[in-house]
Amino acid sequence: MDDRAAAKLEQTTLACNGGFACFIRGQSQPVISRCIIRDGKHHAIVVESAGGLIQGCSILNNAGAAVLIQDAAEPQVECCDLGPGNGRGVVMHAGAKGVVMKCKVEGNTGDAVAIDGVAGSDPATNFQENSIVGMTPSLDVHREALEHLQAYLAVTCLQD
């Protein structure tokens, strides 16, 4: 999805894709709702300099991150199941300002959350009311983002 797209993708299964299942960029503001995104060979959803809403989706068994947010992207990711998968749950690169809230990060082989550089503002703003289930809560934080780490503790970590 590119430029000013405001597409809706609802109750759809995207499976076994060779690249990204969804690549959202430009000024796109799509709504991706109640979808299953699975078995991909790369990251499931990549948001680059765009926004939109990703809500109520199950993202599982992908080789890369469930959600990768970069380049001033500002998506809302709400109430999604992010995992299990063979990569990280959420990756947020420097400049990203997205919000991930009320999501369950479960059973990924990589870090639950990775923040590369200062993620827009601080992790308490970017990550709200999430849970990490059935895996060691882990966080890969670039040195520049370390000062913002204390706020990340707002994330609820649940252990089985």
N, C-alpha and C. Protein backbone atom coordinates (compact mmCIF):
# COMPACT_ATOMS: atom_id res chain seq x y z
N MET A 1 0.85 -1.16 0.00
CA MET A 1 0.00 0.00 0.00
C MET A 1 0.90 1.22 0.00
N ASP A 2 0.64 2.14 -0.90
CA ASP A 2 1.53 3.28 -1.05
C ASP A 2 0.74 4.56 -1.21
N ASP A 3 1.46 5.66 -1.08
CA ASP A 3 0.93 7.02 -1.21
C ASP A 3 -0.24 7.26 -0.28
N ARG A 4 -1.38 7.65 -0.77
CA ARG A 4 -2.47 8.06 0.10
C ARG A 4 -3.56 6.99 0.24
N ALA A 5 -3.16 5.75 0.10
CA ALA A 5 -4.12 4.66 0.16
C ALA A 5 -4.77 4.59 1.54
N ALA A 6 -6.07 4.37 1.53
CA ALA A 6 -6.83 4.20 2.77
C ALA A 6 -7.61 2.89 2.68
N ALA A 7 -6.94 1.88 2.20
CA ALA A 7 -7.57 0.58 1.95
C ALA A 7 -7.97 -0.10 3.25
N LYS A 8 -8.93 -1.03 3.11
CA LYS A 8 -9.34 -1.87 4.23
C LYS A 8 -9.09 -3.32 3.84
N LEU A 9 -8.51 -4.04 4.79
CA LEU A 9 -8.30 -5.47 4.63
C LEU A 9 -8.87 -6.11 5.88
N GLU A 10 -9.97 -6.85 5.73
CA GLU A 10 -10.67 -7.39 6.89
C GLU A 10 -10.91 -8.89 6.73
N GLN A 11 -10.80 -9.61 7.84
CA GLN A 11 -11.09 -11.03 7.91
C GLN A 11 -10.51 -11.80 6.73
N THR A 12 -9.21 -11.61 6.51
CA THR A 12 -8.51 -12.23 5.40
C THR A 12 -7.33 -13.02 5.95
N THR A 13 -6.99 -14.12 5.31
CA THR A 13 -5.79 -14.88 5.67
C THR A 13 -4.75 -14.68 4.58
N LEU A 14 -3.56 -14.24 5.00
CA LEU A 14 -2.42 -14.11 4.09
C LEU A 14 -1.41 -15.15 4.53
N ALA A 15 -1.09 -16.11 3.66
CA ALA A 15 -0.23 -17.22 4.06
C ALA A 15 0.85 -17.51 3.02
N CYS A 16 1.99 -17.99 3.51
CA CYS A 16 3.10 -18.49 2.68
C CYS A 16 3.59 -17.46 1.66
N ASN A 17 3.69 -16.21 2.07
CA ASN A 17 4.16 -15.21 1.12
C ASN A 17 5.67 -15.23 1.04
N GLY A 18 6.22 -14.84 -0.11
CA GLY A 18 7.66 -14.84 -0.32
C GLY A 18 8.34 -13.60 0.22
N GLY A 19 7.63 -12.48 0.27
CA GLY A 19 8.18 -11.24 0.80
C GLY A 19 7.43 -10.86 2.05
N PHE A 20 7.13 -9.57 2.19
CA PHE A 20 6.33 -9.11 3.31
C PHE A 20 4.86 -9.39 2.99
N ALA A 21 4.07 -9.77 3.98
CA ALA A 21 2.64 -9.95 3.75
C ALA A 21 2.00 -8.60 3.48
N CYS A 22 2.39 -7.57 4.25
CA CYS A 22 1.89 -6.21 4.05
C CYS A 22 3.05 -5.24 4.16
N PHE A 23 3.23 -4.41 3.15
CA PHE A 23 4.25 -3.36 3.17
C PHE A 23 3.51 -2.04 3.01
N ILE A 24 3.44 -1.29 4.08
CA ILE A 24 2.66 -0.05 4.12
C ILE A 24 3.64 1.11 4.12
N ARG A 25 3.52 2.02 3.15
CA ARG A 25 4.49 3.12 3.08
C ARG A 25 3.86 4.38 2.52
N GLY A 26 4.65 5.42 2.47
CA GLY A 26 4.16 6.70 1.96
C GLY A 26 3.19 7.31 2.94
N GLN A 27 2.10 7.83 2.46
CA GLN A 27 1.10 8.44 3.30
C GLN A 27 -0.12 7.54 3.49
N SER A 28 0.09 6.26 3.33
CA SER A 28 -1.00 5.28 3.47
C SER A 28 -1.56 5.28 4.88
N GLN A 29 -2.87 5.06 4.99
CA GLN A 29 -3.57 4.96 6.26
C GLN A 29 -4.54 3.77 6.21
N PRO A 30 -4.04 2.56 5.94
CA PRO A 30 -4.95 1.42 5.80
C PRO A 30 -5.50 0.95 7.15
N VAL A 31 -6.57 0.19 7.07
CA VAL A 31 -7.11 -0.52 8.23
C VAL A 31 -6.98 -2.00 7.92
N ILE A 32 -6.23 -2.70 8.77
CA ILE A 32 -6.06 -4.14 8.64
C ILE A 32 -6.70 -4.73 9.90
N SER A 33 -7.80 -5.43 9.73
CA SER A 33 -8.60 -5.83 10.89
C SER A 33 -8.98 -7.31 10.83
N ARG A 34 -8.80 -7.99 11.96
CA ARG A 34 -9.21 -9.37 12.14
C ARG A 34 -8.66 -10.30 11.05
N CYS A 35 -7.40 -10.08 10.68
CA CYS A 35 -6.74 -10.91 9.67
C CYS A 35 -5.80 -11.91 10.32
N ILE A 36 -5.51 -12.97 9.61
CA ILE A 36 -4.49 -13.94 10.00
C ILE A 36 -3.36 -13.81 8.98
N ILE A 37 -2.16 -13.55 9.49
CA ILE A 37 -0.99 -13.42 8.63
C ILE A 37 0.00 -14.47 9.11
N ARG A 38 0.27 -15.47 8.27
CA ARG A 38 1.04 -16.61 8.75
C ARG A 38 1.98 -17.20 7.70
N ASP A 39 2.99 -17.89 8.21
CA ASP A 39 3.89 -18.72 7.41
C ASP A 39 4.66 -17.94 6.35
N GLY A 40 4.94 -16.66 6.60
CA GLY A 40 5.69 -15.85 5.65
C GLY A 40 7.18 -16.09 5.73
N LYS A 41 7.87 -15.77 4.66
CA LYS A 41 9.32 -15.99 4.58
C LYS A 41 10.12 -14.77 5.05
N HIS A 42 9.44 -13.72 5.48
CA HIS A 42 10.12 -12.49 5.93
C HIS A 42 9.28 -11.86 7.03
N HIS A 43 9.42 -10.54 7.24
CA HIS A 43 8.58 -9.85 8.21
C HIS A 43 7.13 -9.92 7.74
N ALA A 44 6.21 -9.98 8.69
CA ALA A 44 4.79 -10.06 8.32
C ALA A 44 4.27 -8.71 7.85
N ILE A 45 4.39 -7.69 8.71
CA ILE A 45 3.91 -6.35 8.37
C ILE A 45 5.05 -5.36 8.55
N VAL A 46 5.33 -4.57 7.52
CA VAL A 46 6.32 -3.51 7.58
C VAL A 46 5.60 -2.19 7.33
N VAL A 47 5.79 -1.25 8.26
CA VAL A 47 5.19 0.08 8.12
C VAL A 47 6.33 1.08 8.03
N GLU A 48 6.40 1.79 6.90
CA GLU A 48 7.50 2.72 6.63
C GLU A 48 6.92 4.08 6.28
N SER A 49 7.13 5.06 7.13
CA SER A 49 6.67 6.44 6.90
C SER A 49 5.18 6.53 6.65
N ALA A 50 4.40 5.67 7.25
CA ALA A 50 2.96 5.65 7.04
C ALA A 50 2.26 5.49 8.38
N GLY A 51 0.96 5.38 8.34
CA GLY A 51 0.16 5.21 9.55
C GLY A 51 -0.77 4.05 9.40
N GLY A 52 -1.99 4.23 9.85
CA GLY A 52 -3.00 3.20 9.71
C GLY A 52 -3.28 2.49 11.02
N LEU A 53 -4.18 1.53 10.94
CA LEU A 53 -4.62 0.77 12.10
C LEU A 53 -4.51 -0.72 11.78
N ILE A 54 -3.83 -1.45 12.66
CA ILE A 54 -3.73 -2.90 12.58
C ILE A 54 -4.39 -3.40 13.85
N GLN A 55 -5.53 -4.08 13.72
CA GLN A 55 -6.34 -4.36 14.90
C GLN A 55 -6.90 -5.78 14.86
N GLY A 56 -6.75 -6.48 16.00
CA GLY A 56 -7.37 -7.79 16.15
C GLY A 56 -6.80 -8.87 15.25
N CYS A 57 -5.56 -8.73 14.81
CA CYS A 57 -4.95 -9.69 13.89
C CYS A 57 -4.14 -10.74 14.65
N SER A 58 -4.01 -11.91 14.05
CA SER A 58 -3.12 -12.96 14.54
C SER A 58 -1.98 -13.08 13.54
N ILE A 59 -0.77 -12.85 14.03
CA ILE A 59 0.41 -12.86 13.16
C ILE A 59 1.33 -13.95 13.68
N LEU A 60 1.47 -15.04 12.91
CA LEU A 60 2.17 -16.19 13.45
C LEU A 60 2.99 -16.94 12.41
N ASN A 61 4.04 -17.59 12.91
CA ASN A 61 4.91 -18.47 12.12
C ASN A 61 5.57 -17.78 10.94
N ASN A 62 5.90 -16.51 11.10
CA ASN A 62 6.65 -15.80 10.06
C ASN A 62 8.14 -15.85 10.38
N ALA A 63 8.99 -15.77 9.35
CA ALA A 63 10.43 -15.88 9.55
C ALA A 63 11.03 -14.62 10.18
N GLY A 64 10.46 -13.47 9.94
CA GLY A 64 10.97 -12.22 10.49
C GLY A 64 10.06 -11.69 11.59
N ALA A 65 10.15 -10.41 11.84
CA ALA A 65 9.34 -9.77 12.88
C ALA A 65 7.85 -9.86 12.52
N ALA A 66 7.02 -9.92 13.54
CA ALA A 66 5.58 -9.84 13.30
C ALA A 66 5.25 -8.46 12.76
N VAL A 67 5.78 -7.41 13.42
CA VAL A 67 5.54 -6.03 12.98
C VAL A 67 6.85 -5.27 13.04
N LEU A 68 7.24 -4.64 11.93
CA LEU A 68 8.42 -3.79 11.84
C LEU A 68 7.96 -2.37 11.54
N ILE A 69 8.31 -1.43 12.42
CA ILE A 69 7.88 -0.03 12.27
C ILE A 69 9.13 0.81 12.10
N GLN A 70 9.18 1.63 11.03
CA GLN A 70 10.40 2.40 10.75
C GLN A 70 10.11 3.71 10.02
N ASP A 71 11.12 4.57 9.97
CA ASP A 71 11.10 5.80 9.18
C ASP A 71 9.89 6.69 9.45
N ALA A 72 9.73 7.14 10.67
CA ALA A 72 8.66 8.08 11.06
C ALA A 72 7.26 7.50 10.90
N ALA A 73 7.15 6.19 10.81
CA ALA A 73 5.84 5.55 10.72
C ALA A 73 5.07 5.74 12.03
N GLU A 74 3.75 5.86 11.92
CA GLU A 74 2.90 6.08 13.08
C GLU A 74 1.66 5.19 13.09
N PRO A 75 1.83 3.88 12.94
CA PRO A 75 0.64 3.01 12.97
C PRO A 75 0.16 2.78 14.40
N GLN A 76 -1.11 2.42 14.53
CA GLN A 76 -1.68 1.93 15.78
C GLN A 76 -1.81 0.42 15.60
N VAL A 77 -1.17 -0.33 16.48
CA VAL A 77 -1.27 -1.79 16.47
C VAL A 77 -1.99 -2.15 17.76
N GLU A 78 -3.22 -2.67 17.65
CA GLU A 78 -4.05 -2.89 18.84
C GLU A 78 -4.61 -4.30 18.88
N CYS A 79 -4.60 -4.87 20.07
CA CYS A 79 -5.30 -6.14 20.34
C CYS A 79 -4.91 -7.26 19.38
N CYS A 80 -3.63 -7.35 19.04
CA CYS A 80 -3.15 -8.38 18.13
C CYS A 80 -2.39 -9.46 18.89
N ASP A 81 -2.38 -10.67 18.34
CA ASP A 81 -1.54 -11.76 18.83
C ASP A 81 -0.32 -11.79 17.92
N LEU A 82 0.85 -11.51 18.49
CA LEU A 82 2.09 -11.42 17.72
C LEU A 82 2.97 -12.63 18.05
N GLY A 83 2.73 -13.73 17.40
CA GLY A 83 3.49 -14.94 17.61
C GLY A 83 2.55 -16.10 17.88
N PRO A 84 3.14 -17.30 17.89
CA PRO A 84 4.56 -17.58 17.83
C PRO A 84 5.13 -17.34 16.43
N GLY A 85 6.45 -17.11 16.41
CA GLY A 85 7.12 -16.87 15.15
C GLY A 85 8.60 -17.12 15.26
N ASN A 86 9.29 -17.05 14.14
CA ASN A 86 10.72 -17.34 14.08
C ASN A 86 11.58 -16.08 14.07
N GLY A 87 11.02 -14.96 14.48
CA GLY A 87 11.76 -13.71 14.56
C GLY A 87 11.36 -12.98 15.83
N ARG A 88 11.43 -11.67 15.77
CA ARG A 88 11.04 -10.83 16.91
C ARG A 88 9.56 -10.52 16.84
N GLY A 89 9.00 -10.15 17.99
CA GLY A 89 7.60 -9.75 18.01
C GLY A 89 7.40 -8.40 17.34
N VAL A 90 8.02 -7.36 17.91
CA VAL A 90 7.90 -6.00 17.39
C VAL A 90 9.29 -5.40 17.26
N VAL A 91 9.60 -4.79 16.12
CA VAL A 91 10.84 -4.05 15.93
C VAL A 91 10.46 -2.61 15.61
N MET A 92 11.05 -1.68 16.36
CA MET A 92 10.78 -0.27 16.12
C MET A 92 12.12 0.43 15.91
N HIS A 93 12.32 0.97 14.71
CA HIS A 93 13.56 1.66 14.38
C HIS A 93 13.46 3.15 14.74
N ALA A 94 14.62 3.77 14.87
CA ALA A 94 14.70 5.19 15.22
C ALA A 94 13.78 6.02 14.33
N GLY A 95 13.08 6.95 14.94
CA GLY A 95 12.19 7.83 14.21
C GLY A 95 10.76 7.34 14.16
N ALA A 96 10.54 6.06 14.45
CA ALA A 96 9.19 5.51 14.42
C ALA A 96 8.40 6.03 15.61
N LYS A 97 7.12 6.29 15.38
CA LYS A 97 6.28 6.85 16.43
C LYS A 97 5.00 6.04 16.62
N GLY A 98 5.00 4.83 16.18
CA GLY A 98 3.81 4.00 16.30
C GLY A 98 3.48 3.65 17.73
N VAL A 99 2.27 3.16 17.93
CA VAL A 99 1.81 2.73 19.24
C VAL A 99 1.37 1.27 19.13
N VAL A 100 1.91 0.44 20.02
CA VAL A 100 1.54 -0.97 20.11
C VAL A 100 0.86 -1.13 21.46
N MET A 101 -0.44 -1.46 21.44
CA MET A 101 -1.16 -1.54 22.71
C MET A 101 -2.10 -2.74 22.77
N LYS A 102 -2.19 -3.30 23.98
CA LYS A 102 -3.08 -4.41 24.28
C LYS A 102 -2.82 -5.62 23.38
N CYS A 103 -1.55 -5.82 23.00
CA CYS A 103 -1.17 -6.96 22.18
C CYS A 103 -0.54 -8.03 23.05
N LYS A 104 -0.61 -9.26 22.57
CA LYS A 104 0.04 -10.38 23.25
C LYS A 104 1.20 -10.83 22.37
N VAL A 105 2.41 -10.77 22.94
CA VAL A 105 3.61 -11.23 22.24
C VAL A 105 3.96 -12.58 22.84
N GLU A 106 3.91 -13.62 22.00
CA GLU A 106 4.00 -14.97 22.55
C GLU A 106 4.83 -15.89 21.66
N GLY A 107 5.80 -16.57 22.26
CA GLY A 107 6.48 -17.68 21.61
C GLY A 107 7.35 -17.35 20.41
N ASN A 108 7.89 -16.15 20.33
CA ASN A 108 8.80 -15.82 19.24
C ASN A 108 10.21 -16.26 19.60
N THR A 109 11.01 -16.64 18.60
CA THR A 109 12.37 -17.08 18.87
C THR A 109 13.31 -15.92 19.13
N GLY A 110 12.99 -14.74 18.63
CA GLY A 110 13.80 -13.55 18.87
C GLY A 110 13.26 -12.75 20.04
N ASP A 111 13.75 -11.54 20.18
CA ASP A 111 13.30 -10.66 21.25
C ASP A 111 11.81 -10.38 21.11
N ALA A 112 11.16 -10.21 22.25
CA ALA A 112 9.75 -9.82 22.22
C ALA A 112 9.61 -8.44 21.58
N VAL A 113 10.49 -7.52 21.98
CA VAL A 113 10.47 -6.15 21.46
C VAL A 113 11.90 -5.71 21.21
N ALA A 114 12.16 -5.10 20.06
CA ALA A 114 13.48 -4.55 19.76
C ALA A 114 13.32 -3.08 19.38
N ILE A 115 14.08 -2.22 20.06
CA ILE A 115 14.03 -0.79 19.77
C ILE A 115 15.42 -0.40 19.30
N ASP A 116 15.52 0.08 18.07
CA ASP A 116 16.80 0.46 17.49
C ASP A 116 16.86 1.97 17.42
N GLY A 117 17.57 2.60 18.34
CA GLY A 117 17.61 4.05 18.40
C GLY A 117 16.42 4.55 19.18
N VAL A 118 16.30 5.83 19.32
CA VAL A 118 15.19 6.41 20.08
C VAL A 118 13.93 6.29 19.24
N ALA A 119 12.95 5.61 19.76
CA ALA A 119 11.74 5.29 19.02
C ALA A 119 10.70 6.39 19.11
N GLY A 120 10.93 7.49 18.44
CA GLY A 120 9.93 8.55 18.38
C GLY A 120 9.84 9.37 19.64
N SER A 121 9.40 8.79 20.70
CA SER A 121 9.36 9.48 21.98
C SER A 121 9.94 8.55 23.02
N ASP A 122 9.13 7.97 23.88
CA ASP A 122 9.70 6.99 24.79
C ASP A 122 8.83 5.74 24.82
N PRO A 123 9.43 4.61 25.20
CA PRO A 123 8.71 3.34 25.10
C PRO A 123 7.40 3.27 25.87
N ALA A 124 7.24 4.06 26.93
CA ALA A 124 5.96 4.04 27.65
C ALA A 124 4.85 4.59 26.77
N THR A 125 5.18 5.47 25.86
CA THR A 125 4.21 6.00 24.92
C THR A 125 3.98 5.02 23.78
N ASN A 126 5.05 4.39 23.31
CA ASN A 126 4.96 3.49 22.16
C ASN A 126 4.39 2.12 22.50
N PHE A 127 4.55 1.65 23.74
CA PHE A 127 4.10 0.32 24.15
C PHE A 127 3.22 0.45 25.38
N GLN A 128 1.94 0.10 25.23
CA GLN A 128 0.99 0.28 26.32
C GLN A 128 0.16 -0.98 26.53
N GLU A 129 0.10 -1.45 27.77
CA GLU A 129 -0.79 -2.53 28.18
C GLU A 129 -0.62 -3.81 27.36
N ASN A 130 0.62 -4.16 27.03
CA ASN A 130 0.91 -5.38 26.29
C ASN A 130 1.28 -6.49 27.25
N SER A 131 1.25 -7.72 26.79
CA SER A 131 1.71 -8.84 27.61
C SER A 131 2.67 -9.71 26.81
N ILE A 132 3.65 -10.24 27.53
CA ILE A 132 4.61 -11.17 26.95
C ILE A 132 4.34 -12.50 27.65
N VAL A 133 3.93 -13.51 26.88
CA VAL A 133 3.46 -14.77 27.46
C VAL A 133 4.31 -15.93 26.97
N GLY A 134 4.68 -16.81 27.90
CA GLY A 134 5.32 -18.06 27.52
C GLY A 134 6.72 -17.94 26.98
N MET A 135 7.38 -16.83 27.20
CA MET A 135 8.76 -16.66 26.77
C MET A 135 9.44 -15.72 27.75
N THR A 136 10.74 -15.77 27.80
CA THR A 136 11.45 -14.85 28.67
C THR A 136 11.27 -13.44 28.13
N PRO A 137 10.74 -12.54 28.94
CA PRO A 137 10.60 -11.16 28.45
C PRO A 137 11.97 -10.65 28.06
N SER A 138 12.12 -10.23 26.83
CA SER A 138 13.42 -9.77 26.38
C SER A 138 13.25 -8.50 25.57
N LEU A 139 14.26 -7.71 25.63
CA LEU A 139 14.23 -6.42 24.97
C LEU A 139 15.61 -6.14 24.43
N ASP A 140 15.71 -5.86 23.15
CA ASP A 140 16.98 -5.50 22.53
C ASP A 140 16.91 -4.01 22.26
N VAL A 141 17.68 -3.25 22.99
CA VAL A 141 17.59 -1.80 22.89
C VAL A 141 18.93 -1.23 22.46
N HIS A 142 18.92 -0.44 21.41
CA HIS A 142 20.11 0.25 20.97
C HIS A 142 20.55 1.21 22.06
N ARG A 143 21.82 1.44 22.21
CA ARG A 143 22.37 2.25 23.30
C ARG A 143 21.71 3.61 23.43
N GLU A 144 21.38 4.26 22.31
CA GLU A 144 20.77 5.58 22.35
C GLU A 144 19.37 5.56 22.97
N ALA A 145 18.72 4.42 22.95
CA ALA A 145 17.36 4.33 23.50
C ALA A 145 17.36 3.91 24.97
N LEU A 146 18.53 3.56 25.48
CA LEU A 146 18.60 3.02 26.82
C LEU A 146 18.04 3.97 27.88
N GLU A 147 18.25 5.26 27.73
CA GLU A 147 17.74 6.21 28.72
C GLU A 147 16.22 6.23 28.78
N HIS A 148 15.57 5.76 27.75
CA HIS A 148 14.11 5.73 27.73
C HIS A 148 13.55 4.39 28.23
N LEU A 149 14.43 3.48 28.57
CA LEU A 149 14.02 2.12 28.91
C LEU A 149 13.14 2.03 30.15
N GLN A 150 13.37 2.87 31.14
CA GLN A 150 12.59 2.77 32.37
C GLN A 150 11.10 2.83 32.08
N ALA A 151 10.71 3.63 31.15
CA ALA A 151 9.29 3.77 30.81
C ALA A 151 8.73 2.49 30.20
N TYR A 152 9.59 1.69 29.62
CA TYR A 152 9.14 0.43 29.00
C TYR A 152 8.53 -0.51 30.03
N LEU A 153 8.90 -0.32 31.29
CA LEU A 153 8.40 -1.21 32.32
C LEU A 153 6.89 -1.16 32.46
N ALA A 154 6.23 -0.25 31.76
CA ALA A 154 4.77 -0.20 31.75
C ALA A 154 4.19 -1.45 31.07
N VAL A 155 5.02 -2.17 30.32
CA VAL A 155 4.58 -3.40 29.67
C VAL A 155 4.40 -4.47 30.74
N THR A 156 3.28 -5.14 30.72
CA THR A 156 3.02 -6.24 31.66
C THR A 156 3.64 -7.51 31.12
N CYS A 157 4.48 -8.12 31.92
CA CYS A 157 5.14 -9.37 31.50
C CYS A 157 4.54 -10.53 32.28
N LEU A 158 3.92 -11.45 31.58
CA LEU A 158 3.31 -12.62 32.21
C LEU A 158 4.14 -13.84 31.86
N GLN A 159 4.41 -14.67 32.84
CA GLN A 159 5.14 -15.91 32.61
C GLN A 159 4.21 -17.09 32.83
N ASP A 160 4.33 -18.12 32.01
CA ASP A 160 3.57 -19.36 32.22
C ASP A 160 4.14 -20.12 33.39
